[in-house]
Each structure stands twice: as C-alpha cells, then as structure tokens.
Amino acid sequence: MKKLEEQIAHLTRTVEDLSEVVARQDQEITLLTNRVRMLMEREAEREAAGTGGIVLGDERPPHY
C-alpha cells in the first residue's frame, strides 16, 4: 500500500511539473504568434508603401 502511495505522489508531482511546462509553452507560443503577426503586418505595410524589403537567397535587388 505504501509503495502505491509513493507512486501516486510521484506521478502527481510529474503531472504538476508537466502542466507548468505546458503553461509556459502556451505563453511562449502566444508571444511568438503575436510577434510573427506584427512582422507580417509590417512587411505588408512595407510592400504596400513600395519601399524595399530584405533580399533573400538568390533574389536580385530591384535596381538590377
């Protein structure tokens, strides 16, 4: 009986620890989602304004 109580206590602590991890990950995902949304809005505004953006990969700048 004592062994079962110890296992339950251990499992309960593990569940609590994992719950904390999931809660932190949820906060981080929300923060990162908001940052990506903000960056996408900025880029859309930049494209709409016709100003230059970042050149990626093999793309040539518009002046070529």
C-alpha atoms as a PDB file:
ATOM      1  CA  MET A   1       0.000   0.000   0.000  1.00  0.00           C
ATOM      2  CA  LYS A   2       2.807   2.420   0.898  1.00  0.00           C
ATOM      3  CA  LYS A   3       4.510   1.753  -2.449  1.00  0.00           C
ATOM      4  CA  LEU A   4       1.319   2.673  -4.310  1.00  0.00           C
ATOM      5  CA  GLU A   5       1.024   5.889  -2.325  1.00  0.00           C
ATOM      6  CA  GLU A   6       4.608   6.781  -3.205  1.00  0.00           C
ATOM      7  CA  GLN A   7       3.970   6.078  -6.884  1.00  0.00           C
ATOM      8  CA  ILE A   8       0.812   8.185  -6.847  1.00  0.00           C
ATOM      9  CA  ALA A   9       2.670  11.041  -5.155  1.00  0.00           C
ATOM     10  CA  HIS A  10       5.466  10.789  -7.716  1.00  0.00           C
ATOM     11  CA  LEU A  11       3.012  10.704 -10.634  1.00  0.00           C
ATOM     12  CA  THR A  12       1.053  13.617  -9.192  1.00  0.00           C
ATOM     13  CA  ARG A  13       4.243  15.705  -8.979  1.00  0.00           C
ATOM     14  CA  THR A  14       5.182  14.717 -12.535  1.00  0.00           C
ATOM     15  CA  VAL A  15       1.768  15.786 -13.819  1.00  0.00           C
ATOM     16  CA  GLU A  16       2.083  19.120 -11.996  1.00  0.00           C
ATOM     17  CA  ASP A  17       5.557  19.687 -13.465  1.00  0.00           C
ATOM     18  CA  LEU A  18       4.351  18.867 -16.975  1.00  0.00           C
ATOM     19  CA  SER A  19       1.359  21.139 -16.526  1.00  0.00           C
ATOM     20  CA  GLU A  20       3.705  24.016 -15.665  1.00  0.00           C
ATOM     21  CA  VAL A  21       5.796  23.273 -18.757  1.00  0.00           C
ATOM     22  CA  VAL A  22       2.713  23.270 -20.982  1.00  0.00           C
ATOM     23  CA  ALA A  23       1.514  26.554 -19.463  1.00  0.00           C
ATOM     24  CA  ARG A  24       4.897  28.202 -20.131  1.00  0.00           C
ATOM     25  CA  GLN A  25       4.946  26.845 -23.677  1.00  0.00           C
ATOM     26  CA  ASP A  26       1.446  28.206 -24.262  1.00  0.00           C
ATOM     27  CA  GLN A  27       2.584  31.667 -23.151  1.00  0.00           C
ATOM     28  CA  GLU A  28       5.661  31.483 -25.378  1.00  0.00           C
ATOM     29  CA  ILE A  29       3.640  30.306 -28.380  1.00  0.00           C
ATOM     30  CA  THR A  30       1.200  33.169 -27.858  1.00  0.00           C
ATOM     31  CA  LEU A  31       4.064  35.673 -27.644  1.00  0.00           C
ATOM     32  CA  LEU A  32       5.764  34.295 -30.751  1.00  0.00           C
ATOM     33  CA  THR A  33       2.477  34.205 -32.686  1.00  0.00           C
ATOM     34  CA  ASN A  34       1.905  37.865 -31.862  1.00  0.00           C
ATOM     35  CA  ARG A  35       5.430  38.756 -32.960  1.00  0.00           C
ATOM     36  CA  VAL A  36       5.044  36.905 -36.258  1.00  0.00           C
ATOM     37  CA  ARG A  37       1.702  38.650 -36.850  1.00  0.00           C
ATOM     38  CA  MET A  38       3.318  42.024 -36.147  1.00  0.00           C
ATOM     39  CA  LEU A  39       6.208  41.288 -38.514  1.00  0.00           C
ATOM     40  CA  MET A  40       3.844  40.145 -41.255  1.00  0.00           C
ATOM     41  CA  GLU A  41       1.783  43.319 -40.854  1.00  0.00           C
ATOM     42  CA  ARG A  42       4.949  45.427 -41.042  1.00  0.00           C
ATOM     43  CA  GLU A  43       6.072  43.627 -44.172  1.00  0.00           C
ATOM     44  CA  ALA A  44       2.645  44.043 -45.766  1.00  0.00           C
ATOM     45  CA  GLU A  45       2.771  47.774 -44.987  1.00  0.00           C
ATOM     46  CA  ARG A  46       6.282  47.983 -46.427  1.00  0.00           C
ATOM     47  CA  GLU A  47       5.184  46.217 -49.614  1.00  0.00           C
ATOM     48  CA  ALA A  48       2.108  48.432 -49.899  1.00  0.00           C
ATOM     49  CA  ALA A  49       4.279  51.527 -49.483  1.00  0.00           C
ATOM     50  CA  GLY A  50       6.644  50.255 -52.186  1.00  0.00           C
ATOM     51  CA  THR A  51       9.740  50.570 -50.026  1.00  0.00           C
ATOM     52  CA  GLY A  52      12.479  47.998 -50.249  1.00  0.00           C
ATOM     53  CA  GLY A  53      12.495  44.834 -48.249  1.00  0.00           C
ATOM     54  CA  ILE A  54      15.108  42.319 -47.321  1.00  0.00           C
ATOM     55  CA  VAL A  55      16.745  40.442 -50.189  1.00  0.00           C
ATOM     56  CA  LEU A  56      16.582  36.711 -49.554  1.00  0.00           C
ATOM     57  CA  GLY A  57      18.587  33.949 -51.165  1.00  0.00           C
ATOM     58  CA  ASP A  58      19.304  34.355 -54.877  1.00  0.00           C
ATOM     59  CA  GLU A  59      16.899  37.248 -55.389  1.00  0.00           C
ATOM     60  CA  ARG A  60      18.420  40.284 -57.064  1.00  0.00           C
ATOM     61  CA  PRO A  61      17.712  43.730 -55.705  1.00  0.00           C
ATOM     62  CA  PRO A  62      15.188  45.715 -57.809  1.00  0.00           C
ATOM     63  CA  HIS A  63      17.853  48.071 -59.232  1.00  0.00           C
ATOM     64  CA  TYR A  64      19.455  45.245 -61.304  1.00  0.00           C
END
